[in-house]
Amino acid sequence: MRILSQVWPGVFSATLALLLFWGFWPLSRGSQWTLTALVIVLAGSWIFWRWRRARKLQEAASEFDDASLPPESYQGAIVLACGDNDILFRELNVREAQQGWYLRIPEPEHLVLMAQRLSVARPGLIWRVSVMMTVAPEHHKDGEAFMQQMHAWRRAISLCRHWLPGELPVWGCCYVNPPDADYASDARWFTRLAGNDEMQIWRDSKVGIPLSDWGAQPISRQSRLSQTLWLNGAVAWAESRIFSVFSAAGSDAKPIFPCLWIWHLSPFAARANNDWQRNVANITSLVPLNENKEGELPFPDPLLSVLPVRSGLSRVERQCGLAGLLLGVFLVLAMLASYINNQRLIQNVSDHLQLYERLKGEPAQPKLLAQNRLRADALLLDEWQREGAPVRYSMGMFQGGRLLPLIRTAVNSWAPPPPPVPVIVQAAPDTVSLDSMALFDTGKAKLIEGSTKILVEALMNIKARPGWLIVVSGHTDNTGDAKTNQQLSLKRAEAVRDWMLATSDVSPGCFAVRGYGASRPVESNDTPEGRKLNRRVEISLVPQADACQDRTESTSPTEGEDSTLIKEN
């Protein structure tokens, strides 16, 4: 579950990004697939990194049992007790006091691991964490060795700031033996806050009073005077052995300025000839107690209220906030994409309207196409108005509704003209058009073999009638010289006329021959099909009063029966 809490932002972000690319942003299909692959790679890499990091943190801090950590709902201060904490914890690793939860940190390396563990297991409580340096001066014989330990603790505290955000409170408590055997006030704490050089005395969680006022009180003035001198010596020792190390500029760690430092006078077992005794012997004639009894020293629980108050969010609050932030970014981008989609829709419809208005309707086909496009736009917008616009448009205040009346007005303002009544153009009565290529070779005017059958079948309906002139006209395409084409068309018409004279008894006065060349095309000469249709011989009947009179006078056909042009075999 904890690992899931580390990787879910990547999965959630990737899902929102894909929804944005495929549902909102106006991207091409190729761009959508490219961005999808990029998102999957980035999200997968981030998830894998977070998973590896969480596993490493769990393995590194596996020696710290989560049972020793405070619950998520804990409201008190969490103190990481470092330094000489044996005099406080004895055989225990955790102590729960009235106002705080004290965790024992035996080594500087363990401090970093505990910070990592808290950031993973109790992220909602890291704002309540502070570091307390526990110091027993009478447990150290070598002052230089003690200062090296302070250097190590300083580096560890600096590393903790990466896992414990904000200004991490660092404070300390020095336990020293009292100057006389009559001293038995375990509830008295001598404190010095950051930025205040004068010491204050706290007792029974009451507001502290300045050390000068406390020493001037008439009660046990001599004892208080000796305690004051004793405490001044303890302050001088702390400044030379602790504060000088913490505040020194160095490349390995940032300077540390404790927000609070506490001294407590209480008898406990001390080492002989320790560094504190030698230091005190140089500045005062008082001799510290050196009792060899082991007793439990009090925790500075009453002073926890003096520490700087930091506030933060719980794990659930942080995850909800992160989810809200991701959703907010998604909504902003989705609304921006929807706004762009709406602007594109308006621009497209406006372009269609402008094109429609520019067209005059002559010819009608372009304007009719533009009108059909507007009808399709109106149909789509009307459907969206009735059933709801797609999400990619509606999140940006859908603008299609105000375009619909404009489109309808434009469409109804013009109607295409009615189609013209088809005019059936008929050739002259009994007109026959023959393909020249079926009768003649290319460039020739002599009928080819097999053309007789074609002529017979095509000219069955051509009748010789009085008052009608049989006109045989030849036509060519525009290939070649115009004069040559005219002569060729005339000769082909004469060849057909001669065949008709040879196969019938119609008088030559019934015929007229014309050669038009390429001057009367029926189709365009730009295509092979058009040129084929233009190469033709046409035979038609043209009314003429004096035409075919010889045929009428020389023959007496039965009444009601027309003589045919083709002889019957």
Protein backbone atom coordinates (compact mmCIF):
# COMPACT_ATOMS: atom_id res chain seq x y z
CA MET A 1 0.00 0.00 0.00
CA ARG A 2 2.88 2.39 0.77
CA ILE A 3 4.55 1.64 -2.54
CA LEU A 4 1.21 2.23 -4.25
CA SER A 5 0.98 5.61 -2.57
CA GLN A 6 4.36 6.46 -4.13
CA VAL A 7 3.53 5.46 -7.71
CA TRP A 8 -0.15 6.39 -8.11
CA PRO A 9 0.59 10.03 -9.12
CA GLY A 10 2.43 8.75 -12.20
CA VAL A 11 -0.44 6.48 -13.23
CA PHE A 12 -3.00 9.20 -12.58
CA SER A 13 -1.02 11.84 -14.50
CA ALA A 14 -0.50 9.51 -17.48
CA THR A 15 -4.24 8.71 -17.58
CA LEU A 16 -5.18 12.38 -17.56
CA ALA A 17 -2.59 13.17 -20.25
CA LEU A 18 -3.91 10.43 -22.54
CA LEU A 19 -7.49 11.60 -21.98
CA LEU A 20 -6.37 15.10 -22.88
CA PHE A 21 -4.60 14.01 -26.06
CA TRP A 22 -7.35 11.71 -27.35
CA GLY A 23 -10.44 13.53 -26.12
CA PHE A 24 -9.72 17.25 -26.22
CA TRP A 25 -6.68 18.51 -28.09
CA PRO A 26 -7.15 18.87 -31.87
CA LEU A 27 -4.23 16.66 -32.88
CA SER A 28 -3.65 14.47 -35.88
CA ARG A 29 -3.71 10.71 -35.46
CA GLY A 30 0.04 10.47 -35.84
CA SER A 31 0.64 13.15 -33.19
CA GLN A 32 -1.75 11.39 -30.82
CA TRP A 33 0.12 8.09 -31.10
CA THR A 34 3.50 9.80 -30.76
CA LEU A 35 2.47 11.67 -27.62
CA THR A 36 0.86 8.51 -26.23
CA ALA A 37 4.12 6.59 -26.61
CA LEU A 38 6.05 9.47 -25.01
CA VAL A 39 3.67 9.63 -22.04
CA ILE A 40 3.83 5.88 -21.49
CA VAL A 41 7.64 5.91 -21.54
CA LEU A 42 7.92 8.89 -19.18
CA ALA A 43 5.25 7.62 -16.79
CA GLY A 44 6.73 4.12 -16.78
CA SER A 45 10.21 5.49 -16.05
CA TRP A 46 8.92 7.70 -13.24
CA ILE A 47 6.88 4.88 -11.70
CA PHE A 48 9.84 2.51 -11.87
CA TRP A 49 12.11 5.11 -10.24
CA ARG A 50 9.62 5.80 -7.44
CA TRP A 51 9.10 2.09 -6.88
CA ARG A 52 12.86 1.44 -6.67
CA ARG A 53 13.28 4.39 -4.34
CA ALA A 54 10.51 3.24 -2.02
CA ARG A 55 11.93 -0.28 -1.93
CA LYS A 56 15.39 1.01 -1.13
CA LEU A 57 14.05 3.19 1.65
CA GLN A 58 12.17 0.27 3.13
CA GLU A 59 15.24 -1.95 2.98
CA ALA A 60 17.57 0.73 4.36
CA ALA A 61 15.32 1.47 7.34
CA SER A 62 14.15 -2.09 7.87
CA GLU A 63 15.86 -2.22 11.27
CA PHE A 64 13.39 0.38 12.55
CA ASP A 65 10.15 -1.28 13.44
CA ASP A 66 7.03 0.67 12.51
CA ALA A 67 5.60 -0.32 15.88
CA SER A 68 8.05 2.09 17.51
CA LEU A 69 6.78 4.97 15.38
CA PRO A 70 3.89 7.12 16.53
CA PRO A 71 0.51 6.53 14.87
CA GLU A 72 -0.63 8.71 11.99
CA SER A 73 -3.12 10.46 14.26
CA TYR A 74 -0.50 11.44 16.85
CA GLN A 75 -0.77 15.12 17.82
CA GLY A 76 2.30 15.61 20.01
CA ALA A 77 5.91 16.43 19.19
CA ILE A 78 8.20 13.76 17.75
CA VAL A 79 11.75 14.05 19.05
CA LEU A 80 14.73 12.27 17.52
CA ALA A 81 17.00 11.98 20.55
CA CYS A 82 20.67 11.90 19.44
CA GLY A 83 24.00 11.96 21.22
CA ASP A 84 24.39 10.60 24.77
CA ASN A 85 20.88 9.20 24.95
CA ASP A 86 21.82 6.15 27.03
CA ILE A 87 21.28 8.16 30.20
CA LEU A 88 17.65 8.71 29.14
CA PHE A 89 16.52 5.51 27.42
CA ARG A 90 18.62 2.84 29.16
CA GLU A 91 17.57 -0.35 27.32
CA LEU A 92 14.59 1.14 25.50
CA ASN A 93 14.44 2.62 22.01
CA VAL A 94 11.30 4.69 22.39
CA ARG A 95 9.72 6.67 25.21
CA GLU A 96 6.28 8.18 25.08
CA ALA A 97 5.94 11.18 27.38
CA GLN A 98 2.97 13.38 28.06
CA GLN A 99 3.72 15.91 25.32
CA GLY A 100 6.15 14.11 23.05
CA TRP A 101 7.27 10.86 21.45
CA TYR A 102 11.01 10.29 21.88
CA LEU A 103 12.85 7.99 19.45
CA ARG A 104 16.34 6.90 20.32
CA ILE A 105 18.98 7.46 17.61
CA PRO A 106 22.18 5.64 18.65
CA GLU A 107 24.43 6.64 15.72
CA PRO A 108 24.55 9.53 13.21
CA GLU A 109 23.90 7.10 10.33
CA HIS A 110 20.72 5.96 12.01
CA LEU A 111 19.43 9.53 12.10
CA VAL A 112 19.28 9.73 8.29
CA LEU A 113 17.64 6.31 8.09
CA MET A 114 15.01 7.30 10.65
CA ALA A 115 14.27 10.48 8.69
CA GLN A 116 13.80 8.40 5.55
CA ARG A 117 11.60 5.95 7.40
CA LEU A 118 9.39 8.70 8.78
CA SER A 119 9.05 10.33 5.36
CA VAL A 120 7.82 7.02 3.90
CA ALA A 121 5.84 5.52 6.77
CA ARG A 122 4.57 8.70 8.49
CA PRO A 123 4.66 11.52 5.91
CA GLY A 124 1.88 13.35 7.71
CA LEU A 125 3.94 13.64 10.92
CA ILE A 126 7.22 14.93 9.53
CA TRP A 127 6.19 18.49 10.38
CA ARG A 128 6.18 17.52 14.07
CA VAL A 129 9.72 16.15 14.05
CA SER A 130 12.62 17.86 15.82
CA VAL A 131 16.18 16.78 16.60
CA MET A 132 17.39 16.88 20.21
CA MET A 133 21.09 16.58 21.02
CA THR A 134 21.44 14.87 24.40
CA VAL A 135 24.79 15.67 25.98
CA ALA A 136 26.32 14.40 29.21
CA PRO A 137 29.66 16.27 29.49
CA GLU A 138 30.82 14.04 32.34
CA HIS A 139 30.72 10.96 30.07
CA HIS A 140 33.52 12.23 27.81
CA LYS A 141 37.18 12.21 28.73
CA ASP A 142 38.60 13.56 25.47
CA GLY A 143 37.20 16.92 24.37
CA GLU A 144 38.59 16.65 20.83
CA ALA A 145 37.01 13.25 20.31
CA PHE A 146 33.69 14.65 21.52
CA MET A 147 33.91 17.50 19.00
CA GLN A 148 34.48 14.95 16.21
CA GLN A 149 31.26 13.26 17.28
CA MET A 150 29.49 16.64 17.05
CA HIS A 151 30.83 17.00 13.50
CA ALA A 152 29.31 13.64 12.56
CA TRP A 153 25.97 14.57 14.11
CA ARG A 154 26.04 17.91 12.28
CA ARG A 155 26.49 16.19 8.92
CA ALA A 156 23.68 13.74 9.69
CA ILE A 157 21.32 16.57 10.67
CA SER A 158 22.10 18.37 7.41
CA LEU A 159 21.26 15.23 5.42
CA CYS A 160 17.97 14.88 7.28
CA ARG A 161 16.75 18.19 5.91
CA HIS A 162 16.33 16.51 2.52
CA TRP A 163 13.73 14.13 3.99
CA LEU A 164 12.24 16.42 6.64
CA PRO A 165 11.07 19.59 4.82
CA GLY A 166 11.03 23.06 6.22
CA GLU A 167 13.34 24.49 8.84
CA LEU A 168 14.07 21.44 10.98
CA PRO A 169 14.15 22.45 14.68
CA VAL A 170 17.43 21.46 16.33
CA TRP A 171 17.78 21.79 20.08
CA GLY A 172 19.74 20.19 22.87
CA CYS A 173 19.80 19.26 26.53
CA CYS A 174 22.93 19.04 28.73
CA TYR A 175 22.75 16.94 31.90
CA VAL A 176 25.36 17.83 34.55
CA ASN A 177 25.80 16.95 38.17
CA PRO A 178 24.85 19.75 40.62
CA PRO A 179 27.58 21.63 42.55
CA ASP A 180 26.40 20.47 46.00
CA ALA A 181 24.73 17.47 47.48
CA ASP A 182 21.78 19.47 48.80
CA TYR A 183 20.51 20.20 45.31
CA ALA A 184 17.42 18.09 44.63
CA SER A 185 15.26 20.10 42.22
CA ASP A 186 14.69 17.81 39.27
CA ALA A 187 11.82 19.96 38.01
CA ARG A 188 14.04 22.98 37.28
CA TRP A 189 15.25 23.58 33.73
CA PHE A 190 17.75 26.24 32.70
CA THR A 191 17.15 27.34 29.11
CA ARG A 192 18.57 29.70 26.55
CA LEU A 193 16.58 30.50 23.40
CA ALA A 194 18.15 31.40 20.08
CA GLY A 195 18.89 35.11 19.88
CA ASN A 196 18.74 35.51 23.67
CA ASP A 197 22.04 35.45 25.55
CA GLU A 198 20.46 35.45 29.00
CA MET A 199 19.42 32.15 30.56
CA GLN A 200 15.95 31.57 31.92
CA ILE A 201 14.70 29.18 34.57
CA TRP A 202 11.63 27.00 34.00
CA ARG A 203 9.93 25.05 36.75
CA ASP A 204 6.81 22.95 36.57
CA SER A 205 6.01 24.16 33.02
CA LYS A 206 5.72 27.74 34.22
CA VAL A 207 6.98 30.71 32.26
CA GLY A 208 10.70 31.09 32.73
CA ILE A 209 12.34 33.96 34.68
CA PRO A 210 15.75 35.46 33.90
CA LEU A 211 18.72 33.86 35.63
CA SER A 212 19.81 37.21 37.10
CA ASP A 213 16.42 37.70 38.78
CA TRP A 214 16.40 34.15 40.03
CA GLY A 215 19.91 34.43 41.54
CA ALA A 216 19.05 37.71 43.30
CA GLN A 217 16.11 36.22 45.18
CA PRO A 218 16.79 36.07 48.99
CA ILE A 219 15.94 32.39 49.31
CA SER A 220 19.13 30.27 49.39
CA ARG A 221 21.05 33.07 47.71
CA GLN A 222 24.41 31.40 48.36
CA SER A 223 23.23 28.12 46.83
CA ARG A 224 21.78 29.94 43.85
CA LEU A 225 24.98 31.91 43.43
CA SER A 226 26.99 28.71 43.23
CA GLN A 227 24.47 27.23 40.79
CA THR A 228 24.72 30.37 38.68
CA LEU A 229 28.50 30.07 38.52
CA TRP A 230 28.13 26.38 37.78
CA LEU A 231 25.72 27.04 34.91
CA ASN A 232 27.94 29.76 33.45
CA GLY A 233 30.73 27.19 33.32
CA ALA A 234 28.38 24.71 31.60
CA VAL A 235 27.46 27.35 29.03
CA ALA A 236 31.12 28.10 28.36
CA TRP A 237 31.87 24.40 27.90
CA ALA A 238 28.89 24.00 25.49
CA GLU A 239 30.01 27.00 23.45
CA SER A 240 33.52 25.67 23.03
CA ARG A 241 32.62 22.03 22.43
CA ILE A 242 29.18 22.13 20.72
CA PHE A 243 28.10 25.54 19.45
CA SER A 244 31.45 26.25 17.83
CA VAL A 245 31.19 23.00 15.85
CA PHE A 246 27.59 23.50 14.80
CA SER A 247 27.98 27.14 13.70
CA ALA A 248 31.34 26.79 11.93
CA ALA A 249 31.27 27.30 8.15
CA GLY A 250 32.17 24.17 6.25
CA SER A 251 31.75 22.57 2.85
CA ASP A 252 30.34 19.29 4.14
CA ALA A 253 27.30 20.67 6.00
CA LYS A 254 25.38 23.85 6.55
CA PRO A 255 25.79 25.73 9.85
CA ILE A 256 23.31 24.77 12.54
CA PHE A 257 21.97 27.26 15.07
CA PRO A 258 19.97 25.49 17.78
CA CYS A 259 16.63 27.12 18.52
CA LEU A 260 16.79 26.07 22.18
CA TRP A 261 19.39 24.73 24.58
CA ILE A 262 18.57 23.29 27.99
CA TRP A 263 20.70 22.53 31.05
CA HIS A 264 19.49 20.30 33.82
CA LEU A 265 21.22 19.69 37.16
CA SER A 266 20.68 16.16 38.38
CA PRO A 267 23.01 13.60 39.99
CA PHE A 268 24.06 10.63 37.86
CA ALA A 269 27.11 8.42 37.43
CA ALA A 270 30.07 10.17 35.80
CA ARG A 271 33.48 9.12 34.57
CA ALA A 272 36.53 10.07 36.57
CA ASN A 273 38.78 12.82 35.22
CA ASN A 274 36.34 13.71 32.47
CA ASP A 275 36.60 16.73 30.23
CA TRP A 276 33.90 18.59 32.15
CA GLN A 277 35.74 18.23 35.47
CA ARG A 278 38.96 19.53 33.99
CA ASN A 279 37.15 22.48 32.45
CA VAL A 280 35.34 23.33 35.70
CA ALA A 281 38.55 23.10 37.74
CA ASN A 282 40.06 25.82 35.57
CA ILE A 283 37.28 28.36 36.11
CA THR A 284 35.92 27.67 39.62
CA SER A 285 36.82 26.06 42.89
CA LEU A 286 33.62 24.05 42.94
CA VAL A 287 33.95 20.32 42.54
CA PRO A 288 31.16 18.37 40.73
CA LEU A 289 29.56 15.41 42.36
CA ASN A 290 30.79 12.07 41.14
CA GLU A 291 28.19 9.71 42.38
CA ASN A 292 28.27 6.24 40.88
CA LYS A 293 24.58 5.61 41.17
CA GLU A 294 22.51 4.96 38.07
CA GLY A 295 19.20 6.78 37.95
CA GLU A 296 16.69 7.77 35.34
CA LEU A 297 17.02 11.35 34.22
CA PRO A 298 13.88 13.29 33.31
CA PHE A 299 12.96 14.05 29.72
CA PRO A 300 12.65 17.77 28.86
CA ASP A 301 8.95 17.28 28.18
CA PRO A 302 7.85 20.65 29.73
CA LEU A 303 10.05 22.54 27.24
CA LEU A 304 8.49 21.06 24.11
CA SER A 305 5.98 23.90 24.09
CA VAL A 306 8.84 26.36 23.56
CA LEU A 307 9.90 24.75 20.27
CA PRO A 308 8.88 26.46 17.02
CA VAL A 309 5.47 25.31 15.86
CA ARG A 310 5.40 23.85 12.35
CA SER A 311 2.29 22.83 10.50
CA GLY A 312 1.87 20.44 7.60
CA LEU A 313 -0.55 18.10 5.92
CA SER A 314 -1.20 14.46 6.63
CA ARG A 315 -0.54 11.79 4.04
CA VAL A 316 -4.18 11.65 3.00
CA GLU A 317 -4.37 15.45 2.81
CA ARG A 318 -1.19 15.60 0.75
CA GLN A 319 -2.37 12.93 -1.66
CA CYS A 320 -5.78 14.57 -1.98
CA GLY A 321 -4.06 17.90 -2.60
CA LEU A 322 -1.82 16.36 -5.25
CA ALA A 323 -4.81 14.72 -6.92
CA GLY A 324 -6.66 18.04 -6.83
CA LEU A 325 -3.66 19.81 -8.35
CA LEU A 326 -3.40 17.29 -11.19
CA LEU A 327 -7.14 17.51 -11.84
CA GLY A 328 -6.95 21.29 -11.80
CA VAL A 329 -4.14 21.32 -14.37
CA PHE A 330 -6.09 18.83 -16.47
CA LEU A 331 -9.25 20.93 -16.36
CA VAL A 332 -7.38 24.10 -17.30
CA LEU A 333 -5.74 22.38 -20.28
CA ALA A 334 -9.02 20.69 -21.26
CA MET A 335 -10.87 24.02 -21.18
CA LEU A 336 -8.09 25.61 -23.23
CA ALA A 337 -8.34 22.80 -25.78
CA SER A 338 -12.13 23.14 -25.83
CA TYR A 339 -11.79 26.87 -26.41
CA ILE A 340 -9.45 26.20 -29.36
CA ASN A 341 -11.91 23.64 -30.78
CA ASN A 342 -14.75 26.14 -30.54
CA GLN A 343 -12.69 28.82 -32.26
CA ARG A 344 -11.84 26.41 -35.06
CA LEU A 345 -15.50 25.45 -35.42
CA ILE A 346 -16.52 29.10 -35.65
CA GLN A 347 -13.75 29.80 -38.16
CA ASN A 348 -14.72 26.86 -40.38
CA VAL A 349 -18.41 27.77 -40.41
CA SER A 350 -17.57 31.42 -41.02
CA ASP A 351 -15.40 30.44 -43.99
CA HIS A 352 -18.27 28.39 -45.39
CA LEU A 353 -20.64 31.33 -44.95
CA GLN A 354 -18.26 33.81 -46.58
CA LEU A 355 -17.69 31.52 -49.55
CA TYR A 356 -21.44 31.02 -49.91
CA GLU A 357 -22.09 34.77 -49.83
CA ARG A 358 -19.39 35.52 -52.42
CA LEU A 359 -20.85 33.13 -54.98
CA LYS A 360 -23.49 34.77 -57.22
CA GLY A 361 -25.24 31.60 -58.29
CA GLU A 362 -24.21 31.86 -61.94
CA PRO A 363 -23.39 29.14 -62.66
CA ALA A 364 -25.45 27.53 -59.95
CA GLN A 365 -23.33 24.43 -59.31
CA PRO A 366 -20.60 26.04 -57.10
CA LYS A 367 -23.15 27.87 -54.97
CA LEU A 368 -25.23 24.71 -54.70
CA LEU A 369 -22.17 22.81 -53.39
CA ALA A 370 -21.51 25.59 -50.86
CA GLN A 371 -25.17 25.45 -49.81
CA ASN A 372 -24.98 21.70 -49.29
CA ARG A 373 -21.92 22.20 -47.10
CA LEU A 374 -23.82 24.72 -44.99
CA ARG A 375 -26.76 22.30 -44.74
CA ALA A 376 -24.36 19.66 -43.39
CA ASP A 377 -23.02 22.20 -40.85
CA ALA A 378 -26.55 23.07 -39.77
CA LEU A 379 -27.51 19.42 -39.44
CA LEU A 380 -24.47 18.72 -37.20
CA LEU A 381 -25.01 21.80 -35.02
CA ASP A 382 -28.71 21.01 -34.68
CA GLU A 383 -27.88 17.47 -33.54
CA TRP A 384 -25.42 18.82 -30.96
CA GLN A 385 -28.00 21.34 -29.77
CA ARG A 386 -30.59 18.62 -29.23
CA GLU A 387 -28.40 15.84 -27.85
CA GLY A 388 -25.56 17.83 -26.32
CA ALA A 389 -22.26 18.86 -27.83
CA PRO A 390 -19.19 16.60 -27.49
CA VAL A 391 -17.10 17.16 -24.38
CA ARG A 392 -14.21 18.55 -26.41
CA TYR A 393 -16.49 21.49 -27.30
CA SER A 394 -18.76 21.87 -24.29
CA MET A 395 -16.00 22.47 -21.71
CA GLY A 396 -15.09 25.70 -23.47
CA MET A 397 -18.59 27.22 -23.55
CA PHE A 398 -19.94 25.75 -26.78
CA GLN A 399 -20.48 28.44 -29.42
CA GLY A 400 -22.26 26.42 -32.10
CA GLY A 401 -25.75 27.42 -30.97
CA ARG A 402 -25.37 31.03 -32.05
CA LEU A 403 -24.13 29.95 -35.50
CA LEU A 404 -27.19 27.86 -36.31
CA PRO A 405 -29.60 30.79 -37.04
CA LEU A 406 -27.00 32.43 -39.30
CA ILE A 407 -26.58 29.25 -41.31
CA ARG A 408 -30.33 28.72 -41.67
CA THR A 409 -30.87 32.31 -42.81
CA ALA A 410 -28.12 32.01 -45.39
CA VAL A 411 -29.39 28.68 -46.70
CA ASN A 412 -32.95 29.95 -47.05
CA SER A 413 -31.88 33.17 -48.81
CA TRP A 414 -31.16 31.48 -52.15
CA ALA A 415 -32.61 28.63 -54.11
CA PRO A 416 -31.04 27.14 -57.22
CA PRO A 417 -32.83 27.94 -60.51
CA PRO A 418 -35.10 25.19 -61.81
CA PRO A 419 -33.38 22.85 -64.22
CA PRO A 420 -34.00 23.77 -67.87
CA VAL A 421 -36.61 21.80 -69.80
CA PRO A 422 -34.64 19.26 -71.78
CA VAL A 423 -34.77 20.07 -75.50
CA ILE A 424 -34.61 16.98 -77.62
CA VAL A 425 -32.68 17.90 -80.71
CA GLN A 426 -33.64 15.66 -83.53
CA ALA A 427 -31.83 15.45 -86.78
CA ALA A 428 -33.60 15.86 -89.99
CA PRO A 429 -35.98 13.02 -90.81
CA ASP A 430 -34.35 9.71 -91.43
CA THR A 431 -30.82 10.99 -90.75
CA VAL A 432 -28.17 8.28 -90.67
CA SER A 433 -24.62 8.80 -89.35
CA LEU A 434 -21.97 6.30 -90.45
CA ASP A 435 -18.49 5.84 -89.00
CA SER A 436 -15.93 6.66 -91.69
CA MET A 437 -13.44 4.20 -90.26
CA ALA A 438 -15.93 1.38 -90.82
CA LEU A 439 -16.24 2.33 -94.54
CA PHE A 440 -12.83 3.65 -95.53
CA ASP A 441 -9.18 3.20 -94.74
CA THR A 442 -7.35 6.05 -93.07
CA GLY A 443 -6.88 8.92 -95.50
CA LYS A 444 -8.71 7.03 -98.33
CA ALA A 445 -12.03 7.58 -100.12
CA LYS A 446 -12.57 4.08 -101.52
CA LEU A 447 -15.08 1.81 -99.81
CA ILE A 448 -13.43 -1.16 -98.17
CA GLU A 449 -14.58 -4.79 -98.33
CA GLY A 450 -17.46 -5.49 -95.98
CA SER A 451 -18.79 -1.95 -96.09
CA THR A 452 -21.71 -2.97 -98.35
CA LYS A 453 -23.41 -4.85 -95.53
CA ILE A 454 -23.02 -1.86 -93.22
CA LEU A 455 -24.52 0.48 -95.82
CA VAL A 456 -27.43 -1.83 -96.56
CA GLU A 457 -28.34 -2.21 -92.85
CA ALA A 458 -27.92 1.50 -92.13
CA LEU A 459 -29.85 2.82 -95.14
CA MET A 460 -32.92 0.59 -95.00
CA ASN A 461 -35.07 3.53 -93.84
CA ILE A 462 -33.84 6.05 -96.39
CA LYS A 463 -36.64 6.48 -98.94
CA ALA A 464 -36.59 8.46 -102.12
CA ARG A 465 -39.55 10.85 -101.94
CA PRO A 466 -40.66 13.67 -104.12
CA GLY A 467 -39.83 17.02 -102.63
CA TRP A 468 -37.01 15.58 -100.49
CA LEU A 469 -33.35 15.86 -101.33
CA ILE A 470 -30.99 13.09 -100.17
CA VAL A 471 -27.96 14.96 -98.78
CA VAL A 472 -24.74 12.97 -98.30
CA SER A 473 -22.18 14.96 -96.21
CA GLY A 474 -18.70 13.93 -95.25
CA HIS A 475 -16.91 15.01 -92.05
CA THR A 476 -13.40 14.52 -90.60
CA ASP A 477 -11.55 15.40 -87.40
CA ASN A 478 -9.06 18.26 -87.23
CA THR A 479 -6.02 16.06 -87.76
CA GLY A 480 -3.96 17.29 -90.71
CA ASP A 481 -4.47 20.10 -93.19
CA ALA A 482 -7.91 21.70 -93.34
CA LYS A 483 -8.04 21.76 -97.19
CA THR A 484 -7.00 18.14 -97.40
CA ASN A 485 -9.63 17.19 -94.82
CA GLN A 486 -12.32 19.02 -96.83
CA GLN A 487 -11.41 17.27 -100.07
CA LEU A 488 -11.25 13.88 -98.31
CA SER A 489 -14.69 14.39 -96.76
CA LEU A 490 -16.16 15.36 -100.14
CA LYS A 491 -14.69 12.34 -101.90
CA ARG A 492 -16.01 9.99 -99.18
CA ALA A 493 -19.48 11.50 -99.56
CA GLU A 494 -19.28 11.03 -103.34
CA ALA A 495 -18.20 7.39 -102.85
CA VAL A 496 -21.27 6.71 -100.70
CA ARG A 497 -23.49 8.55 -103.23
CA ASP A 498 -22.06 6.54 -106.12
CA TRP A 499 -22.69 3.26 -104.27
CA MET A 500 -26.29 4.32 -103.63
CA LEU A 501 -26.77 5.18 -107.34
CA ALA A 502 -25.23 1.90 -108.38
CA THR A 503 -27.46 -0.18 -106.13
CA SER A 504 -30.75 1.60 -106.92
CA ASP A 505 -32.64 3.19 -109.76
CA VAL A 506 -32.92 6.55 -108.03
CA SER A 507 -32.22 9.52 -110.25
CA PRO A 508 -29.01 11.45 -109.60
CA GLY A 509 -31.19 14.53 -109.16
CA CYS A 510 -32.31 13.13 -105.81
CA PHE A 511 -28.81 13.52 -104.35
CA ALA A 512 -26.66 16.35 -103.07
CA VAL A 513 -23.06 15.85 -101.91
CA ARG A 514 -21.26 18.04 -99.34
CA GLY A 515 -17.73 17.92 -97.86
CA TYR A 516 -17.40 19.84 -94.60
CA GLY A 517 -14.00 18.58 -93.41
CA ALA A 518 -13.51 19.36 -89.71
CA SER A 519 -15.76 22.43 -89.64
CA ARG A 520 -18.78 20.72 -88.05
CA PRO A 521 -17.58 18.52 -85.18
CA VAL A 522 -20.15 16.84 -82.94
CA GLU A 523 -17.60 16.31 -80.11
CA SER A 524 -14.33 17.82 -79.04
CA ASN A 525 -11.30 16.85 -81.09
CA ASP A 526 -9.12 16.92 -77.93
CA THR A 527 -9.86 13.27 -77.10
CA PRO A 528 -9.63 10.07 -79.20
CA GLU A 529 -13.30 9.34 -78.56
CA GLY A 530 -14.30 12.77 -79.80
CA ARG A 531 -12.19 12.51 -82.96
CA LYS A 532 -13.72 9.08 -83.70
CA LEU A 533 -17.24 10.53 -83.56
CA ASN A 534 -16.26 13.45 -85.78
CA ARG A 535 -15.00 11.09 -88.55
CA ARG A 536 -18.42 10.27 -90.11
CA VAL A 537 -20.65 10.31 -93.19
CA GLU A 538 -24.17 11.58 -92.64
CA ILE A 539 -27.14 10.87 -94.94
CA SER A 540 -30.29 12.91 -94.39
CA LEU A 541 -33.46 13.98 -96.15
CA VAL A 542 -33.83 17.71 -96.67
CA PRO A 543 -37.10 19.16 -97.97
CA GLN A 544 -36.73 20.76 -101.42
CA ALA A 545 -39.65 21.34 -103.74
CA ASP A 546 -38.02 20.32 -107.00
CA ALA A 547 -36.02 17.44 -105.61
CA CYS A 548 -36.37 13.90 -107.00
CA GLN A 549 -38.96 14.87 -109.69
CA ASP A 550 -37.44 12.60 -112.29
CA ARG A 551 -37.92 9.58 -110.00
CA THR A 552 -41.57 10.51 -109.48
CA GLU A 553 -42.37 10.91 -113.14
CA SER A 554 -40.50 7.82 -114.35
CA THR A 555 -41.98 5.42 -111.89
CA SER A 556 -45.55 4.86 -110.80
CA PRO A 557 -45.50 3.16 -107.44
CA THR A 558 -48.60 1.74 -106.03
CA GLU A 559 -50.64 4.29 -104.13
CA GLY A 560 -49.73 4.39 -100.46
CA GLU A 561 -46.39 2.60 -101.00
CA ASP A 562 -42.99 4.38 -101.04
CA SER A 563 -40.19 3.13 -103.23
CA THR A 564 -37.09 2.17 -101.33
CA LEU A 565 -33.61 3.36 -102.06
CA ILE A 566 -32.11 -0.13 -102.00
CA LYS A 567 -32.92 -2.64 -104.73
CA GLU A 568 -34.63 -5.77 -103.53
CA ASN A 569 -32.95 -8.97 -104.65
